[in-house]
C-alpha cells in the first residue's frame, strides 16, 4: 500500500503560523512550537515535519519530536 502524505497549516491562538507534513494514518497531538504556548492541536496522521513561519515570512524547519505527543 502506498503512503499518503498531506500538508496543512494553521495559525495558533498565540499567533504562531505552523505548517506540518504527515502520513495520513493514525493520530498525533502537536504542541504549539512557539514558547511559552502549550496549546495542543490534533492531527489525523503521523507527523514527519514541522515548520514555523518567522516574522520575515520564511518557513523554518523544526524538529517535530519535542512537539509531538502520542494520543491517549
PDB file of N, CA and C in Angstrom:
ATOM      1  N   UNK A   1       0.845  -1.185   0.000  1.00  0.00           N
ATOM      2  CA  UNK A   1       0.000   0.000   0.000  1.00  0.00           C
ATOM      3  C   UNK A   1       0.889   1.246   0.000  1.00  0.00           C
ATOM      4  N   UNK A   2       0.579   2.173  -0.863  1.00  0.00           N
ATOM      5  CA  UNK A   2       1.353   3.408  -0.972  1.00  0.00           C
ATOM      6  C   UNK A   2       1.075   4.331   0.207  1.00  0.00           C
ATOM      7  N   UNK A   3       2.092   5.063   0.585  1.00  0.00           N
ATOM      8  CA  UNK A   3       1.915   6.060   1.642  1.00  0.00           C
ATOM      9  C   UNK A   3       1.167   7.263   1.081  1.00  0.00           C
ATOM     10  N   UNK A   4       0.308   7.812   1.898  1.00  0.00           N
ATOM     11  CA  UNK A   4      -0.418   9.030   1.533  1.00  0.00           C
ATOM     12  C   UNK A   4       0.076  10.148   2.444  1.00  0.00           C
ATOM     13  N   UNK A   5       0.618  11.202   1.868  1.00  0.00           N
ATOM     14  CA  UNK A   5       1.133  12.333   2.623  1.00  0.00           C
ATOM     15  C   UNK A   5       0.224  13.531   2.437  1.00  0.00           C
ATOM     16  N   UNK A   6       0.162  14.357   3.462  1.00  0.00           N
ATOM     17  CA  UNK A   6      -0.647  15.562   3.395  1.00  0.00           C
ATOM     18  C   UNK A   6       0.109  16.696   4.089  1.00  0.00           C
ATOM     19  N   UNK A   7      -0.173  17.913   3.675  1.00  0.00           N
ATOM     20  CA  UNK A   7       0.414  19.104   4.302  1.00  0.00           C
ATOM     21  C   UNK A   7      -0.737  20.013   4.708  1.00  0.00           C
ATOM     22  N   UNK A   8      -0.647  20.559   5.893  1.00  0.00           N
ATOM     23  CA  UNK A   8      -1.655  21.515   6.346  1.00  0.00           C
ATOM     24  C   UNK A   8      -0.967  22.584   7.183  1.00  0.00           C
ATOM     25  N   UNK A   9      -1.634  23.690   7.353  1.00  0.00           N
ATOM     26  CA  UNK A   9      -1.086  24.765   8.190  1.00  0.00           C
ATOM     27  C   UNK A   9      -2.217  25.414   8.963  1.00  0.00           C
ATOM     28  N   UNK A  10      -1.840  26.110  10.024  1.00  0.00           N
ATOM     29  CA  UNK A  10      -2.827  26.827  10.830  1.00  0.00           C
ATOM     30  C   UNK A  10      -2.141  27.965  11.567  1.00  0.00           C
ATOM     31  N   UNK A  11      -2.960  28.858  12.078  1.00  0.00           N
ATOM     32  CA  UNK A  11      -2.477  29.925  12.959  1.00  0.00           C
ATOM     33  C   UNK A  11      -2.981  29.587  14.348  1.00  0.00           C
ATOM     34  N   UNK A  12      -2.052  29.386  15.265  1.00  0.00           N
ATOM     35  CA  UNK A  12      -2.397  29.064  16.653  1.00  0.00           C
ATOM     36  C   UNK A  12      -3.032  30.295  17.319  1.00  0.00           C
ATOM     37  N   UNK A  13      -3.756  30.066  18.379  1.00  0.00           N
ATOM     38  CA  UNK A  13      -4.369  31.175  19.124  1.00  0.00           C
ATOM     39  C   UNK A  13      -3.328  32.157  19.640  1.00  0.00           C
ATOM     40  N   UNK A  14      -2.066  31.673  19.800  1.00  0.00           N
ATOM     41  CA  UNK A  14      -0.987  32.553  20.277  1.00  0.00           C
ATOM     42  C   UNK A  14      -0.413  33.406  19.143  1.00  0.00           C
ATOM     43  N   UNK A  15      -0.824  33.117  17.895  1.00  0.00           N
ATOM     44  CA  UNK A  15      -0.342  33.885  16.746  1.00  0.00           C
ATOM     45  C   UNK A  15       0.711  33.172  15.911  1.00  0.00           C
ATOM     46  N   UNK A  16       1.205  32.017  16.355  1.00  0.00           N
ATOM     47  CA  UNK A  16       2.220  31.280  15.607  1.00  0.00           C
ATOM     48  C   UNK A  16       1.620  30.683  14.340  1.00  0.00           C
ATOM     49  N   UNK A  17       2.352  30.786  13.237  1.00  0.00           N
ATOM     50  CA  UNK A  17       1.956  30.163  11.977  1.00  0.00           C
ATOM     51  C   UNK A  17       2.717  28.847  11.879  1.00  0.00           C
ATOM     52  N   UNK A  18       1.987  27.733  11.844  1.00  0.00           N
ATOM     53  CA  UNK A  18       2.577  26.403  11.892  1.00  0.00           C
ATOM     54  C   UNK A  18       2.158  25.625  10.648  1.00  0.00           C
ATOM     55  N   UNK A  19       3.111  24.884  10.054  1.00  0.00           N
ATOM     56  CA  UNK A  19       2.809  24.024   8.906  1.00  0.00           C
ATOM     57  C   UNK A  19       3.400  22.649   9.208  1.00  0.00           C
ATOM     58  N   UNK A  20       2.673  21.592   8.842  1.00  0.00           N
ATOM     59  CA  UNK A  20       3.148  20.237   9.087  1.00  0.00           C
ATOM     60  C   UNK A  20       2.962  19.367   7.843  1.00  0.00           C
ATOM     61  N   UNK A  21       3.809  18.336   7.745  1.00  0.00           N
ATOM     62  CA  UNK A  21       3.610  17.278   6.766  1.00  0.00           C
ATOM     63  C   UNK A  21       3.401  16.007   7.559  1.00  0.00           C
ATOM     64  N   UNK A  22       2.406  15.197   7.141  1.00  0.00           N
ATOM     65  CA  UNK A  22       2.093  14.000   7.904  1.00  0.00           C
ATOM     66  C   UNK A  22       1.588  12.889   7.005  1.00  0.00           C
ATOM     67  N   UNK A  23       1.808  11.667   7.473  1.00  0.00           N
ATOM     68  CA  UNK A  23       1.274  10.478   6.836  1.00  0.00           C
ATOM     69  C   UNK A  23      -0.164  10.334   7.308  1.00  0.00           C
ATOM     70  N   UNK A  24      -1.073  10.025   6.422  1.00  0.00           N
ATOM     71  CA  UNK A  24      -2.493  10.103   6.769  1.00  0.00           C
ATOM     72  C   UNK A  24      -3.040   8.866   7.463  1.00  0.00           C
ATOM     73  N   UNK A  25      -2.298   8.322   8.393  1.00  0.00           N
ATOM     74  CA  UNK A  25      -2.838   7.232   9.216  1.00  0.00           C
ATOM     75  C   UNK A  25      -2.446   7.503  10.668  1.00  0.00           C
ATOM     76  N   UNK A  26      -3.322   7.147  11.587  1.00  0.00           N
ATOM     77  CA  UNK A  26      -3.046   7.387  13.000  1.00  0.00           C
ATOM     78  C   UNK A  26      -3.443   8.787  13.422  1.00  0.00           C
ATOM     79  N   UNK A  27      -2.979   9.168  14.590  1.00  0.00           N
ATOM     80  CA  UNK A  27      -3.263  10.482  15.160  1.00  0.00           C
ATOM     81  C   UNK A  27      -2.036  10.973  15.918  1.00  0.00           C
ATOM     82  N   UNK A  28      -1.734  12.249  15.806  1.00  0.00           N
ATOM     83  CA  UNK A  28      -0.651  12.868  16.559  1.00  0.00           C
ATOM     84  C   UNK A  28      -1.184  14.154  17.174  1.00  0.00           C
ATOM     85  N   UNK A  29      -0.762  14.438  18.378  1.00  0.00           N
ATOM     86  CA  UNK A  29      -1.090  15.710  19.024  1.00  0.00           C
ATOM     87  C   UNK A  29       0.165  16.568  18.975  1.00  0.00           C
ATOM     88  N   UNK A  30       0.039  17.759  18.394  1.00  0.00           N
ATOM     89  CA  UNK A  30       1.162  18.682  18.264  1.00  0.00           C
ATOM     90  C   UNK A  30       1.008  19.793  19.291  1.00  0.00           C
ATOM     91  N   UNK A  31       2.058  20.026  20.054  1.00  0.00           N
ATOM     92  CA  UNK A  31       2.103  21.166  20.976  1.00  0.00           C
ATOM     93  C   UNK A  31       2.655  22.345  20.180  1.00  0.00           C
ATOM     94  N   UNK A  32       2.028  23.489  20.277  1.00  0.00           N
ATOM     95  CA  UNK A  32       2.493  24.663  19.549  1.00  0.00           C
ATOM     96  C   UNK A  32       3.989  24.877  19.816  1.00  0.00           C
ATOM     97  N   UNK A  33       4.792  25.044  18.745  1.00  0.00           N
ATOM     98  CA  UNK A  33       6.237  25.182  18.926  1.00  0.00           C
ATOM     99  C   UNK A  33       6.711  26.576  19.348  1.00  0.00           C
ATOM    100  N   UNK A  34       5.775  27.510  19.568  1.00  0.00           N
ATOM    101  CA  UNK A  34       6.179  28.863  19.976  1.00  0.00           C
ATOM    102  C   UNK A  34       6.114  28.975  21.497  1.00  0.00           C
ATOM    103  N   UNK A  35       7.290  29.040  22.166  1.00  0.00           N
ATOM    104  CA  UNK A  35       7.272  29.173  23.629  1.00  0.00           C
ATOM    105  C   UNK A  35       6.656  30.509  24.035  1.00  0.00           C
ATOM    106  N   UNK A  36       5.987  30.592  25.131  1.00  0.00           N
ATOM    107  CA  UNK A  36       5.670  29.547  26.106  1.00  0.00           C
ATOM    108  C   UNK A  36       4.339  28.849  25.824  1.00  0.00           C
ATOM    109  N   UNK A  37       3.787  29.007  24.622  1.00  0.00           N
ATOM    110  CA  UNK A  37       2.482  28.429  24.294  1.00  0.00           C
ATOM    111  C   UNK A  37       2.499  26.912  24.479  1.00  0.00           C
ATOM    112  N   UNK A  38       1.452  26.358  25.021  1.00  0.00           N
ATOM    113  CA  UNK A  38       1.318  24.918  25.214  1.00  0.00           C
ATOM    114  C   UNK A  38       0.017  24.389  24.615  1.00  0.00           C
ATOM    115  N   UNK A  39      -0.609  25.170  23.722  1.00  0.00           N
ATOM    116  CA  UNK A  39      -1.858  24.749  23.102  1.00  0.00           C
ATOM    117  C   UNK A  39      -1.597  23.512  22.243  1.00  0.00           C
ATOM    118  N   UNK A  40      -2.497  22.537  22.346  1.00  0.00           N
ATOM    119  CA  UNK A  40      -2.349  21.292  21.597  1.00  0.00           C
ATOM    120  C   UNK A  40      -3.297  21.272  20.403  1.00  0.00           C
ATOM    121  N   UNK A  41      -2.789  20.749  19.290  1.00  0.00           N
ATOM    122  CA  UNK A  41      -3.540  20.634  18.048  1.00  0.00           C
ATOM    123  C   UNK A  41      -3.523  19.167  17.632  1.00  0.00           C
ATOM    124  N   UNK A  42      -4.684  18.577  17.369  1.00  0.00           N
ATOM    125  CA  UNK A  42      -4.777  17.179  16.970  1.00  0.00           C
ATOM    126  C   UNK A  42      -4.688  17.076  15.450  1.00  0.00           C
ATOM    127  N   UNK A  43      -3.818  16.168  14.987  1.00  0.00           N
ATOM    128  CA  UNK A  43      -3.589  15.950  13.557  1.00  0.00           C
ATOM    129  C   UNK A  43      -3.974  14.517  13.227  1.00  0.00           C
ATOM    130  N   UNK A  44      -4.684  14.320  12.139  1.00  0.00           N
ATOM    131  CA  UNK A  44      -5.125  12.987  11.730  1.00  0.00           C
ATOM    132  C   UNK A  44      -4.063  12.226  10.978  1.00  0.00           C
ATOM    133  N   UNK A  45      -2.915  11.996  11.594  1.00  0.00           N
ATOM    134  CA  UNK A  45      -1.839  11.246  10.962  1.00  0.00           C
ATOM    135  C   UNK A  45      -0.558  11.319  11.759  1.00  0.00           C
ATOM    136  N   UNK A  46       0.481  10.669  11.246  1.00  0.00           N
ATOM    137  CA  UNK A  46       1.802  10.652  11.883  1.00  0.00           C
ATOM    138  C   UNK A  46       2.640  11.778  11.295  1.00  0.00           C
ATOM    139  N   UNK A  47       3.030  12.732  12.124  1.00  0.00           N
ATOM    140  CA  UNK A  47       3.741  13.933  11.681  1.00  0.00           C
ATOM    141  C   UNK A  47       5.206  13.602  11.408  1.00  0.00           C
ATOM    142  N   UNK A  48       5.694  14.048  10.242  1.00  0.00           N
ATOM    143  CA  UNK A  48       7.098  13.835   9.886  1.00  0.00           C
ATOM    144  C   UNK A  48       7.894  15.136   9.884  1.00  0.00           C
ATOM    145  N   UNK A  49       7.231  16.259   9.599  1.00  0.00           N
ATOM    146  CA  UNK A  49       7.923  17.550   9.513  1.00  0.00           C
ATOM    147  C   UNK A  49       7.046  18.662  10.076  1.00  0.00           C
ATOM    148  N   UNK A  50       7.712  19.627  10.721  1.00  0.00           N
ATOM    149  CA  UNK A  50       7.032  20.831  11.224  1.00  0.00           C
ATOM    150  C   UNK A  50       7.852  22.042  10.792  1.00  0.00           C
ATOM    151  N   UNK A  51       7.159  23.087  10.368  1.00  0.00           N
ATOM    152  CA  UNK A  51       7.780  24.363  10.066  1.00  0.00           C
ATOM    153  C   UNK A  51       7.019  25.457  10.809  1.00  0.00           C
ATOM    154  N   UNK A  52       7.732  26.514  11.184  1.00  0.00           N
ATOM    155  CA  UNK A  52       7.089  27.681  11.783  1.00  0.00           C
ATOM    156  C   UNK A  52       7.522  28.903  10.983  1.00  0.00           C
ATOM    157  N   UNK A  53       6.562  29.765  10.675  1.00  0.00           N
ATOM    158  CA  UNK A  53       6.853  30.950   9.867  1.00  0.00           C
ATOM    159  C   UNK A  53       7.468  32.033  10.744  1.00  0.00           C
ATOM    160  N   UNK A  54       8.562  32.610  10.273  1.00  0.00           N
ATOM    161  CA  UNK A  54       9.236  33.682  11.008  1.00  0.00           C
ATOM    162  C   UNK A  54       8.588  35.023  10.681  1.00  0.00           C
ATOM    163  N   UNK A  55       9.002  36.062  11.380  1.00  0.00           N
ATOM    164  CA  UNK A  55       8.449  37.405  11.175  1.00  0.00           C
ATOM    165  C   UNK A  55       8.705  37.912   9.755  1.00  0.00           C
ATOM    166  N   UNK A  56       9.764  37.411   9.098  1.00  0.00           N
ATOM    167  CA  UNK A  56      10.058  37.839   7.729  1.00  0.00           C
ATOM    168  C   UNK A  56       9.513  36.857   6.683  1.00  0.00           C
ATOM    169  N   UNK A  57       8.462  36.098   7.072  1.00  0.00           N
ATOM    170  CA  UNK A  57       7.715  35.203   6.181  1.00  0.00           C
ATOM    171  C   UNK A  57       8.530  34.050   5.600  1.00  0.00           C
ATOM    172  N   UNK A  58       9.472  33.534   6.367  1.00  0.00           N
ATOM    173  CA  UNK A  58      10.268  32.372   5.961  1.00  0.00           C
ATOM    174  C   UNK A  58       9.837  31.182   6.810  1.00  0.00           C
ATOM    175  N   UNK A  59       9.532  30.049   6.152  1.00  0.00           N
ATOM    176  CA  UNK A  59       9.150  28.832   6.871  1.00  0.00           C
ATOM    177  C   UNK A  59      10.417  28.122   7.329  1.00  0.00           C
ATOM    178  N   UNK A  60      10.599  28.024   8.638  1.00  0.00           N
ATOM    179  CA  UNK A  60      11.795  27.432   9.226  1.00  0.00           C
ATOM    180  C   UNK A  60      11.474  26.039   9.757  1.00  0.00           C
ATOM    181  N   UNK A  61      12.269  25.011   9.350  1.00  0.00           N
ATOM    182  CA  UNK A  61      12.007  23.655   9.851  1.00  0.00           C
ATOM    183  C   UNK A  61      12.322  23.532  11.338  1.00  0.00           C
ATOM    184  N   UNK A  62      11.529  22.702  12.002  1.00  0.00           N
ATOM    185  CA  UNK A  62      11.670  22.461  13.439  1.00  0.00           C
ATOM    186  C   UNK A  62      11.642  20.949  13.652  1.00  0.00           C
ATOM    187  N   UNK A  63      12.444  20.448  14.571  1.00  0.00           N
ATOM    188  CA  UNK A  63      12.409  19.030  14.919  1.00  0.00           C
ATOM    189  C   UNK A  63      11.041  18.710  15.519  1.00  0.00           C
ATOM    190  N   UNK A  64      10.279  17.768  14.937  1.00  0.00           N
ATOM    191  CA  UNK A  64       8.941  17.506  15.446  1.00  0.00           C
ATOM    192  C   UNK A  64       8.909  16.718  16.769  1.00  0.00           C
ATOM    193  N   UNK A  65       9.977  16.031  17.116  1.00  0.00           N
ATOM    194  CA  UNK A  65       9.963  15.153  18.296  1.00  0.00           C
ATOM    195  C   UNK A  65       9.547  15.875  19.589  1.00  0.00           C
ATOM    196  N   UNK A  66      10.112  17.030  19.923  1.00  0.00           N
ATOM    197  CA  UNK A  66       9.719  17.663  21.199  1.00  0.00           C
ATOM    198  C   UNK A  66       8.294  18.189  21.224  1.00  0.00           C
ATOM    199  N   UNK A  67       7.649  18.292  20.065  1.00  0.00           N
ATOM    200  CA  UNK A  67       6.306  18.882  19.992  1.00  0.00           C
ATOM    201  C   UNK A  67       5.235  17.871  19.651  1.00  0.00           C
ATOM    202  N   UNK A  68       5.598  16.596  19.509  1.00  0.00           N
ATOM    203  CA  UNK A  68       4.642  15.533  19.174  1.00  0.00           C
ATOM    204  C   UNK A  68       4.325  14.711  20.410  1.00  0.00           C
ATOM    205  N   UNK A  69       3.033  14.565  20.691  1.00  0.00           N
ATOM    206  CA  UNK A  69       2.575  13.789  21.838  1.00  0.00           C
ATOM    207  C   UNK A  69       1.704  12.656  21.324  1.00  0.00           C
ATOM    208  N   UNK A  70       1.998  11.401  21.683  1.00  0.00           N
ATOM    209  CA  UNK A  70       1.097  10.326  21.236  1.00  0.00           C
ATOM    210  C   UNK A  70      -0.271  10.479  21.885  1.00  0.00           C
ATOM    211  N   UNK A  71      -1.340  10.128  21.163  1.00  0.00           N
ATOM    212  CA  UNK A  71      -2.681  10.228  21.767  1.00  0.00           C
ATOM    213  C   UNK A  71      -2.860   9.233  22.900  1.00  0.00           C
ATOM    214  N   UNK A  72      -3.789   9.533  23.803  1.00  0.00           N
ATOM    215  CA  UNK A  72      -4.059   8.626  24.937  1.00  0.00           C
ATOM    216  C   UNK A  72      -4.695   7.343  24.483  1.00  0.00           C
TER     217      UNK A  72
END
